[in-house]
PDB file of N, CA and C in Angstrom:
ATOM      1  N   MET A   1     -15.089   7.694 -10.500  1.00  0.00           N
ATOM      2  CA  MET A   1     -15.524   6.799 -11.425  1.00  0.00           C
ATOM      3  C   MET A   1     -16.207   7.111 -12.142  1.00  0.00           C
ATOM      4  N   THR A   2     -16.060   7.446 -13.624  1.00  0.00           N
ATOM      5  CA  THR A   2     -18.346   7.296 -14.315  1.00  0.00           C
ATOM      6  C   THR A   2     -16.471   5.971 -15.038  1.00  0.00           C
ATOM      7  N   CYS A   3     -15.864   4.514 -15.470  1.00  0.00           N
ATOM      8  CA  CYS A   3     -16.026   4.145 -16.296  1.00  0.00           C
ATOM      9  C   CYS A   3     -16.489   2.376 -16.472  1.00  0.00           C
ATOM     10  N   ALA A   4     -17.442   2.456 -17.102  1.00  0.00           N
ATOM     11  CA  ALA A   4     -17.762   1.009 -16.937  1.00  0.00           C
ATOM     12  C   ALA A   4     -16.230  -0.015 -16.392  1.00  0.00           C
ATOM     13  N   HIS A   5     -16.140   0.420 -17.008  1.00  0.00           N
ATOM     14  CA  HIS A   5     -14.219  -0.706 -17.344  1.00  0.00           C
ATOM     15  C   HIS A   5     -13.888  -0.594 -16.912  1.00  0.00           C
ATOM     16  N   LEU A   6     -13.620  -0.432 -15.660  1.00  0.00           N
ATOM     17  CA  LEU A   6     -12.664   0.723 -14.610  1.00  0.00           C
ATOM     18  C   LEU A   6     -12.949  -0.389 -13.203  1.00  0.00           C
ATOM     19  N   ALA A   7     -14.058   0.352 -13.122  1.00  0.00           N
ATOM     20  CA  ALA A   7     -15.441  -0.526 -12.227  1.00  0.00           C
ATOM     21  C   ALA A   7     -15.452  -2.247 -12.329  1.00  0.00           C
ATOM     22  N   ALA A   8     -15.218  -2.747 -13.089  1.00  0.00           N
ATOM     23  CA  ALA A   8     -15.501  -3.506 -13.529  1.00  0.00           C
ATOM     24  C   ALA A   8     -14.492  -4.455 -14.038  1.00  0.00           C
ATOM     25  N   THR A   9     -13.721  -4.099 -13.305  1.00  0.00           N
ATOM     26  CA  THR A   9     -11.447  -3.757 -13.461  1.00  0.00           C
ATOM     27  C   THR A   9     -11.036  -4.430 -12.197  1.00  0.00           C
ATOM     28  N   PRO A  10     -10.859  -4.833 -11.526  1.00  0.00           N
ATOM     29  CA  PRO A  10     -10.537  -4.568 -10.464  1.00  0.00           C
ATOM     30  C   PRO A  10      -8.730  -4.835 -10.286  1.00  0.00           C
ATOM     31  N   LEU A  11      -7.564  -4.145  -9.596  1.00  0.00           N
ATOM     32  CA  LEU A  11      -6.237  -3.579  -9.776  1.00  0.00           C
ATOM     33  C   LEU A  11      -5.620  -5.292 -10.271  1.00  0.00           C
ATOM     34  N   ASP A  12      -6.618  -6.332  -9.127  1.00  0.00           N
ATOM     35  CA  ASP A  12      -5.518  -7.590  -8.995  1.00  0.00           C
ATOM     36  C   ASP A  12      -6.574  -8.280 -10.084  1.00  0.00           C
ATOM     37  N   ALA A  13      -6.406  -8.296 -11.088  1.00  0.00           N
ATOM     38  CA  ALA A  13      -7.778  -9.311 -12.048  1.00  0.00           C
ATOM     39  C   ALA A  13      -6.579 -10.026 -12.543  1.00  0.00           C
ATOM     40  N   LYS A  14      -5.617  -9.771 -13.181  1.00  0.00           N
ATOM     41  CA  LYS A  14      -4.186 -10.963 -13.656  1.00  0.00           C
ATOM     42  C   LYS A  14      -3.214  -9.892 -12.706  1.00  0.00           C
ATOM     43  N   PRO A  15      -2.059 -11.612 -12.242  1.00  0.00           N
ATOM     44  CA  PRO A  15      -1.630 -10.681 -11.179  1.00  0.00           C
ATOM     45  C   PRO A  15      -0.169 -10.613 -12.027  1.00  0.00           C
ATOM     46  N   VAL A  16       0.890 -10.237 -11.607  1.00  0.00           N
ATOM     47  CA  VAL A  16       2.501  -8.784 -12.334  1.00  0.00           C
ATOM     48  C   VAL A  16       2.849 -10.279 -12.310  1.00  0.00           C
ATOM     49  N   PRO A  17       2.862 -10.709 -14.052  1.00  0.00           N
ATOM     50  CA  PRO A  17       4.163 -11.977 -13.791  1.00  0.00           C
ATOM     51  C   PRO A  17       5.681 -11.720 -12.696  1.00  0.00           C
ATOM     52  N   GLU A  18       6.931 -12.654 -13.259  1.00  0.00           N
ATOM     53  CA  GLU A  18       7.628 -12.801 -12.109  1.00  0.00           C
ATOM     54  C   GLU A  18       8.760 -11.970 -13.315  1.00  0.00           C
ATOM     55  N   VAL A  19       8.035 -12.199 -14.937  1.00  0.00           N
ATOM     56  CA  VAL A  19       9.614 -11.565 -15.897  1.00  0.00           C
ATOM     57  C   VAL A  19       8.915 -10.263 -16.336  1.00  0.00           C
ATOM     58  N   ARG A  20       8.728  -8.797 -16.058  1.00  0.00           N
ATOM     59  CA  ARG A  20       9.061  -7.367 -16.373  1.00  0.00           C
ATOM     60  C   ARG A  20       9.762  -7.727 -17.273  1.00  0.00           C
ATOM     61  N   GLU A  21       9.169  -7.377 -18.762  1.00  0.00           N
ATOM     62  CA  GLU A  21       9.057  -7.163 -19.841  1.00  0.00           C
ATOM     63  C   GLU A  21       8.210  -7.021 -20.855  1.00  0.00           C
ATOM     64  N   CYS A  22       8.459  -6.709 -22.230  1.00  0.00           N
ATOM     65  CA  CYS A  22       6.994  -6.016 -23.346  1.00  0.00           C
ATOM     66  C   CYS A  22       7.617  -7.162 -23.794  1.00  0.00           C
ATOM     67  N   VAL A  23       6.461  -8.467 -24.420  1.00  0.00           N
ATOM     68  CA  VAL A  23       6.762  -9.438 -25.156  1.00  0.00           C
ATOM     69  C   VAL A  23       6.540  -9.311 -26.117  1.00  0.00           C
ATOM     70  N   ASP A  24       6.020  -8.417 -26.679  1.00  0.00           N
ATOM     71  CA  ASP A  24       6.646  -7.501 -28.279  1.00  0.00           C
ATOM     72  C   ASP A  24       7.954  -7.036 -28.694  1.00  0.00           C
ATOM     73  N   CYS A  25       8.589  -6.486 -27.577  1.00  0.00           N
ATOM     74  CA  CYS A  25      10.088  -5.706 -28.244  1.00  0.00           C
ATOM     75  C   CYS A  25      10.433  -7.163 -27.963  1.00  0.00           C
ATOM     76  N   VAL A  26      10.629  -8.428 -26.345  1.00  0.00           N
ATOM     77  CA  VAL A  26      11.555  -9.303 -26.861  1.00  0.00           C
ATOM     78  C   VAL A  26      11.400  -9.167 -28.635  1.00  0.00           C
ATOM     79  N   ALA A  27       9.930 -10.254 -28.504  1.00  0.00           N
ATOM     80  CA  ALA A  27      10.180 -10.943 -29.821  1.00  0.00           C
ATOM     81  C   ALA A  27      11.032  -9.851 -31.374  1.00  0.00           C
ATOM     82  N   LEU A  28      10.821  -9.374 -30.543  1.00  0.00           N
ATOM     83  CA  LEU A  28      11.295  -7.941 -32.328  1.00  0.00           C
ATOM     84  C   LEU A  28      12.509  -7.865 -31.445  1.00  0.00           C
ATOM     85  N   GLY A  29      13.253  -8.019 -30.688  1.00  0.00           N
ATOM     86  CA  GLY A  29      14.761  -8.319 -29.767  1.00  0.00           C
ATOM     87  C   GLY A  29      15.195  -6.563 -29.514  1.00  0.00           C
ATOM     88  N   HIS A  30      14.229  -6.689 -29.246  1.00  0.00           N
ATOM     89  CA  HIS A  30      14.706  -4.674 -28.072  1.00  0.00           C
ATOM     90  C   HIS A  30      14.107  -4.726 -26.959  1.00  0.00           C
ATOM     91  N   ARG A  31      14.876  -4.054 -26.510  1.00  0.00           N
ATOM     92  CA  ARG A  31      15.029  -3.794 -25.591  1.00  0.00           C
ATOM     93  C   ARG A  31      14.302  -2.394 -24.592  1.00  0.00           C
ATOM     94  N   ASP A  32      13.883  -2.043 -25.276  1.00  0.00           N
ATOM     95  CA  ASP A  32      13.718  -0.288 -25.338  1.00  0.00           C
ATOM     96  C   ASP A  32      12.792   0.398 -23.968  1.00  0.00           C
ATOM     97  N   TRP A  33      11.950  -0.238 -23.418  1.00  0.00           N
ATOM     98  CA  TRP A  33      10.244   0.627 -23.679  1.00  0.00           C
ATOM     99  C   TRP A  33      10.956   0.890 -21.739  1.00  0.00           C
ATOM    100  N   VAL A  34      10.059   1.598 -21.805  1.00  0.00           N
ATOM    101  CA  VAL A  34      10.319   2.770 -20.440  1.00  0.00           C
ATOM    102  C   VAL A  34       9.728   2.523 -19.729  1.00  0.00           C
ATOM    103  N   HIS A  35       8.194   2.460 -19.764  1.00  0.00           N
ATOM    104  CA  HIS A  35       7.118   1.503 -18.527  1.00  0.00           C
ATOM    105  C   HIS A  35       6.241   0.224 -19.615  1.00  0.00           C
ATOM    106  N   LEU A  36       6.600  -0.150 -18.806  1.00  0.00           N
ATOM    107  CA  LEU A  36       5.442  -1.560 -18.773  1.00  0.00           C
ATOM    108  C   LEU A  36       4.224  -1.525 -18.261  1.00  0.00           C
ATOM    109  N   ARG A  37       2.720  -1.548 -18.748  1.00  0.00           N
ATOM    110  CA  ARG A  37       1.142  -1.764 -18.896  1.00  0.00           C
ATOM    111  C   ARG A  37       0.859  -3.284 -18.668  1.00  0.00           C
ATOM    112  N   LEU A  38       0.160  -3.785 -17.871  1.00  0.00           N
ATOM    113  CA  LEU A  38      -0.449  -5.830 -17.486  1.00  0.00           C
ATOM    114  C   LEU A  38      -2.183  -4.837 -18.811  1.00  0.00           C
ATOM    115  N   CYS A  39      -2.444  -6.027 -19.558  1.00  0.00           N
ATOM    116  CA  CYS A  39      -4.421  -5.641 -19.442  1.00  0.00           C
ATOM    117  C   CYS A  39      -4.525  -7.166 -18.944  1.00  0.00           C
ATOM    118  N   LEU A  40      -5.273  -5.552 -18.174  1.00  0.00           N
ATOM    119  CA  LEU A  40      -6.560  -6.704 -17.068  1.00  0.00           C
ATOM    120  C   LEU A  40      -7.454  -7.203 -17.439  1.00  0.00           C
ATOM    121  N   GLU A  41      -7.298  -8.068 -18.388  1.00  0.00           N
ATOM    122  CA  GLU A  41      -8.367  -9.740 -19.153  1.00  0.00           C
ATOM    123  C   GLU A  41      -7.472  -9.867 -20.146  1.00  0.00           C
ATOM    124  N   CYS A  42      -6.597  -9.953 -20.805  1.00  0.00           N
ATOM    125  CA  CYS A  42      -5.848 -11.529 -20.657  1.00  0.00           C
ATOM    126  C   CYS A  42      -4.514 -11.353 -19.476  1.00  0.00           C
ATOM    127  N   GLY A  43      -3.651 -10.902 -19.925  1.00  0.00           N
ATOM    128  CA  GLY A  43      -2.359 -10.765 -18.622  1.00  0.00           C
ATOM    129  C   GLY A  43      -1.047  -9.886 -20.044  1.00  0.00           C
ATOM    130  N   HIS A  44      -1.836  -9.799 -21.305  1.00  0.00           N
ATOM    131  CA  HIS A  44      -0.744  -9.419 -21.722  1.00  0.00           C
ATOM    132  C   HIS A  44       0.292  -8.017 -21.750  1.00  0.00           C
ATOM    133  N   VAL A  45       1.824  -8.184 -21.395  1.00  0.00           N
ATOM    134  CA  VAL A  45       2.265  -7.160 -20.960  1.00  0.00           C
ATOM    135  C   VAL A  45       2.929  -6.339 -22.041  1.00  0.00           C
ATOM    136  N   GLY A  46       2.476  -5.059 -21.832  1.00  0.00           N
ATOM    137  CA  GLY A  46       3.425  -3.967 -23.202  1.00  0.00           C
ATOM    138  C   GLY A  46       4.132  -3.016 -22.195  1.00  0.00           C
ATOM    139  N   CYS A  47       4.315  -2.640 -23.562  1.00  0.00           N
ATOM    140  CA  CYS A  47       5.201  -2.041 -23.436  1.00  0.00           C
ATOM    141  C   CYS A  47       3.994   0.037 -23.410  1.00  0.00           C
ATOM    142  N   CYS A  48       4.337   1.288 -23.012  1.00  0.00           N
ATOM    143  CA  CYS A  48       3.986   2.423 -22.779  1.00  0.00           C
ATOM    144  C   CYS A  48       3.900   3.507 -23.843  1.00  0.00           C
ATOM    145  N   ASP A  49       3.592   4.598 -24.190  1.00  0.00           N
ATOM    146  CA  ASP A  49       3.030   5.495 -25.428  1.00  0.00           C
ATOM    147  C   ASP A  49       4.432   5.797 -25.007  1.00  0.00           C
ATOM    148  N   SER A  50       5.182   6.483 -23.672  1.00  0.00           N
ATOM    149  CA  SER A  50       6.563   6.811 -23.973  1.00  0.00           C
ATOM    150  C   SER A  50       7.977   5.794 -24.855  1.00  0.00           C
ATOM    151  N   SER A  51       7.135   5.483 -24.119  1.00  0.00           N
ATOM    152  CA  SER A  51       8.159   3.909 -25.420  1.00  0.00           C
ATOM    153  C   SER A  51       7.854   3.988 -27.001  1.00  0.00           C
ATOM    154  N   PRO A  52       9.515   3.695 -27.600  1.00  0.00           N
ATOM    155  CA  PRO A  52       9.140   3.529 -29.240  1.00  0.00           C
ATOM    156  C   PRO A  52       8.223   2.270 -29.656  1.00  0.00           C
ATOM    157  N   GLY A  53       7.349   1.319 -29.118  1.00  0.00           N
ATOM    158  CA  GLY A  53       6.744   0.205 -29.542  1.00  0.00           C
ATOM    159  C   GLY A  53       5.476  -0.007 -29.064  1.00  0.00           C
ATOM    160  N   ARG A  54       4.928   1.601 -28.471  1.00  0.00           N
ATOM    161  CA  ARG A  54       3.410   1.530 -27.628  1.00  0.00           C
ATOM    162  C   ARG A  54       2.834   0.061 -27.605  1.00  0.00           C
ATOM    163  N   HIS A  55       3.238  -0.638 -27.273  1.00  0.00           N
ATOM    164  CA  HIS A  55       2.758  -2.099 -27.834  1.00  0.00           C
ATOM    165  C   HIS A  55       1.413  -2.666 -26.383  1.00  0.00           C
ATOM    166  N   ALA A  56       1.050  -1.380 -25.811  1.00  0.00           N
ATOM    167  CA  ALA A  56       0.109  -1.166 -24.582  1.00  0.00           C
ATOM    168  C   ALA A  56      -0.664  -1.315 -26.350  1.00  0.00           C
ATOM    169  N   SER A  57      -0.992   0.284 -25.724  1.00  0.00           N
ATOM    170  CA  SER A  57      -1.430   0.793 -27.274  1.00  0.00           C
ATOM    171  C   SER A  57      -2.617  -0.341 -28.229  1.00  0.00           C
ATOM    172  N   ALA A  58      -1.289  -0.555 -28.683  1.00  0.00           N
ATOM    173  CA  ALA A  58      -1.656  -1.073 -29.569  1.00  0.00           C
ATOM    174  C   ALA A  58      -2.508  -3.337 -29.614  1.00  0.00           C
ATOM    175  N   HIS A  59      -1.841  -3.283 -28.557  1.00  0.00           N
ATOM    176  CA  HIS A  59      -2.721  -4.830 -28.175  1.00  0.00           C
ATOM    177  C   HIS A  59      -4.476  -4.317 -28.043  1.00  0.00           C
ATOM    178  N   TYR A  60      -4.338  -2.954 -27.716  1.00  0.00           N
ATOM    179  CA  TYR A  60      -5.790  -2.463 -27.043  1.00  0.00           C
ATOM    180  C   TYR A  60      -7.008  -3.003 -28.865  1.00  0.00           C
ATOM    181  N   LYS A  61      -5.830  -1.784 -29.209  1.00  0.00           N
ATOM    182  CA  LYS A  61      -6.152  -1.077 -30.409  1.00  0.00           C
ATOM    183  C   LYS A  61      -7.015  -2.401 -31.895  1.00  0.00           C
ATOM    184  N   GLU A  62      -5.820  -3.893 -31.415  1.00  0.00           N
ATOM    185  CA  GLU A  62      -6.066  -5.319 -32.998  1.00  0.00           C
ATOM    186  C   GLU A  62      -7.272  -6.022 -31.628  1.00  0.00           C
ATOM    187  N   ILE A  63      -6.857  -5.539 -29.970  1.00  0.00           N
ATOM    188  CA  ILE A  63      -7.926  -6.922 -29.307  1.00  0.00           C
ATOM    189  C   ILE A  63      -8.434  -6.750 -28.805  1.00  0.00           C
ATOM    190  N   LYS A  64      -8.733  -5.547 -28.204  1.00  0.00           N
ATOM    191  CA  LYS A  64      -9.698  -4.508 -27.996  1.00  0.00           C
ATOM    192  C   LYS A  64      -9.866  -4.700 -26.499  1.00  0.00           C
ATOM    193  N   HIS A  65      -9.471  -5.263 -25.254  1.00  0.00           N
ATOM    194  CA  HIS A  65      -9.109  -5.655 -23.671  1.00  0.00           C
ATOM    195  C   HIS A  65      -9.492  -4.049 -23.876  1.00  0.00           C
ATOM    196  N   PRO A  66     -10.752  -3.752 -22.661  1.00  0.00           N
ATOM    197  CA  PRO A  66      -9.633  -1.044 -22.673  1.00  0.00           C
ATOM    198  C   PRO A  66      -8.834  -1.381 -21.536  1.00  0.00           C
ATOM    199  N   VAL A  67      -9.282  -2.214 -19.986  1.00  0.00           N
ATOM    200  CA  VAL A  67      -8.401  -1.681 -19.051  1.00  0.00           C
ATOM    201  C   VAL A  67      -6.189  -2.779 -18.662  1.00  0.00           C
ATOM    202  N   VAL A  68      -5.593  -1.268 -18.899  1.00  0.00           N
ATOM    203  CA  VAL A  68      -4.809  -2.300 -18.570  1.00  0.00           C
ATOM    204  C   VAL A  68      -4.357  -1.282 -16.538  1.00  0.00           C
ATOM    205  N   ARG A  69      -3.091  -1.717 -16.413  1.00  0.00           N
ATOM    206  CA  ARG A  69      -2.668  -1.509 -14.756  1.00  0.00           C
ATOM    207  C   ARG A  69      -0.489  -1.330 -15.207  1.00  0.00           C
ATOM    208  N   SER A  70      -0.256  -0.248 -14.443  1.00  0.00           N
ATOM    209  CA  SER A  70       1.057   0.039 -14.371  1.00  0.00           C
ATOM    210  C   SER A  70       1.965  -1.919 -13.689  1.00  0.00           C
ATOM    211  N   ILE A  71       2.388  -1.887 -13.925  1.00  0.00           N
ATOM    212  CA  ILE A  71       3.280  -2.606 -12.879  1.00  0.00           C
ATOM    213  C   ILE A  71       4.528  -2.023 -12.869  1.00  0.00           C
ATOM    214  N   GLU A  72       4.920  -0.467 -12.605  1.00  0.00           N
ATOM    215  CA  GLU A  72       5.942  -0.238 -12.868  1.00  0.00           C
ATOM    216  C   GLU A  72       5.948  -0.339 -10.906  1.00  0.00           C
ATOM    217  N   PRO A  73       7.726   0.018 -10.276  1.00  0.00           N
ATOM    218  CA  PRO A  73       7.813  -0.798  -8.840  1.00  0.00           C
ATOM    219  C   PRO A  73       6.670   0.909  -8.404  1.00  0.00           C
ATOM    220  N   ASN A  74       5.867   0.270  -7.360  1.00  0.00           N
ATOM    221  CA  ASN A  74       5.410   2.118  -6.706  1.00  0.00           C
ATOM    222  C   ASN A  74       3.798   2.751  -7.562  1.00  0.00           C
ATOM    223  N   GLU A  75       3.838   2.499  -8.157  1.00  0.00           N
ATOM    224  CA  GLU A  75       2.445   3.165  -8.970  1.00  0.00           C
ATOM    225  C   GLU A  75       1.402   1.758  -8.995  1.00  0.00           C
ATOM    226  N   ARG A  76       0.367   2.117  -8.579  1.00  0.00           N
ATOM    227  CA  ARG A  76      -0.816   0.634  -8.044  1.00  0.00           C
ATOM    228  C   ARG A  76      -2.335   2.057  -9.312  1.00  0.00           C
ATOM    229  N   TRP A  77      -2.132   2.479 -10.998  1.00  0.00           N
ATOM    230  CA  TRP A  77      -3.539   2.450 -11.403  1.00  0.00           C
ATOM    231  C   TRP A  77      -3.884   2.092 -12.455  1.00  0.00           C
ATOM    232  N   ARG A  78      -5.248   2.152 -12.082  1.00  0.00           N
ATOM    233  CA  ARG A  78      -5.661   1.987 -14.073  1.00  0.00           C
ATOM    234  C   ARG A  78      -5.310   3.059 -15.341  1.00  0.00           C
ATOM    235  N   TRP A  79      -5.798   2.063 -16.276  1.00  0.00           N
ATOM    236  CA  TRP A  79      -6.077   2.593 -17.209  1.00  0.00           C
ATOM    237  C   TRP A  79      -6.955   2.572 -18.217  1.00  0.00           C
ATOM    238  N   CYS A  80      -8.164   2.700 -18.787  1.00  0.00           N
ATOM    239  CA  CYS A  80      -9.109   2.909 -19.342  1.00  0.00           C
ATOM    240  C   CYS A  80      -9.181   3.584 -20.903  1.00  0.00           C
ATOM    241  N   PHE A  81      -8.684   2.310 -21.419  1.00  0.00           N
ATOM    242  CA  PHE A  81      -8.409   2.474 -23.050  1.00  0.00           C
ATOM    243  C   PHE A  81      -9.521   3.920 -24.277  1.00  0.00           C
ATOM    244  N   VAL A  82     -10.784   3.151 -23.850  1.00  0.00           N
ATOM    245  CA  VAL A  82     -12.150   3.086 -23.645  1.00  0.00           C
ATOM    246  C   VAL A  82     -12.631   4.326 -23.641  1.00  0.00           C
ATOM    247  N   ASP A  83     -12.174   4.493 -22.500  1.00  0.00           N
ATOM    248  CA  ASP A  83     -13.110   6.554 -22.506  1.00  0.00           C
ATOM    249  C   ASP A  83     -12.198   7.497 -21.662  1.00  0.00           C
ATOM    250  N   GLU A  84     -10.845   6.902 -21.681  1.00  0.00           N
ATOM    251  CA  GLU A  84      -9.695   7.517 -21.185  1.00  0.00           C
ATOM    252  C   GLU A  84      -9.775   7.899 -19.936  1.00  0.00           C
ATOM    253  N   GLU A  85      -9.980   6.534 -19.149  1.00  0.00           N
ATOM    254  CA  GLU A  85      -9.891   7.290 -17.644  1.00  0.00           C
ATOM    255  C   GLU A  85      -8.560   6.728 -16.751  1.00  0.00           C
ATOM    256  N   VAL A  86      -8.828   7.218 -16.076  1.00  0.00           N
ATOM    257  CA  VAL A  86      -7.932   6.819 -15.387  1.00  0.00           C
ATOM    258  C   VAL A  86      -7.758   6.741 -14.235  1.00  0.00           C
ATOM    259  N   VAL A  87      -7.750   5.916 -12.908  1.00  0.00           N
ATOM    260  CA  VAL A  87      -8.008   5.714 -11.684  1.00  0.00           C
ATOM    261  C   VAL A  87      -6.829   5.234 -11.054  1.00  0.00           C
ATOM    262  N   GLY A  88      -6.970   5.424  -9.493  1.00  0.00           N
ATOM    263  CA  GLY A  88      -5.428   5.363  -9.911  1.00  0.00           C
ATOM    264  C   GLY A  88      -4.658   5.972  -8.699  1.00  0.00           C
TER     265      GLY A  88
END
């Protein structure tokens, strides 16, 4: 791993929320997300880039929190938007 953001942000930096839903999609009245990502800096849950809303990427572009993790069952990986690097 060469990304300093990933090295500084452990997989369990934020707990996985009990209710697994894209907060931005829900606010818009949508439930059509594909996969969910958890921001490891603030805990925001957004949908992946395969989803119509692409809210995890939108959160990064707006807030600049660099690292998310998958909160899908049996997935344990993190992604850095800055360095476009995955670990796990």
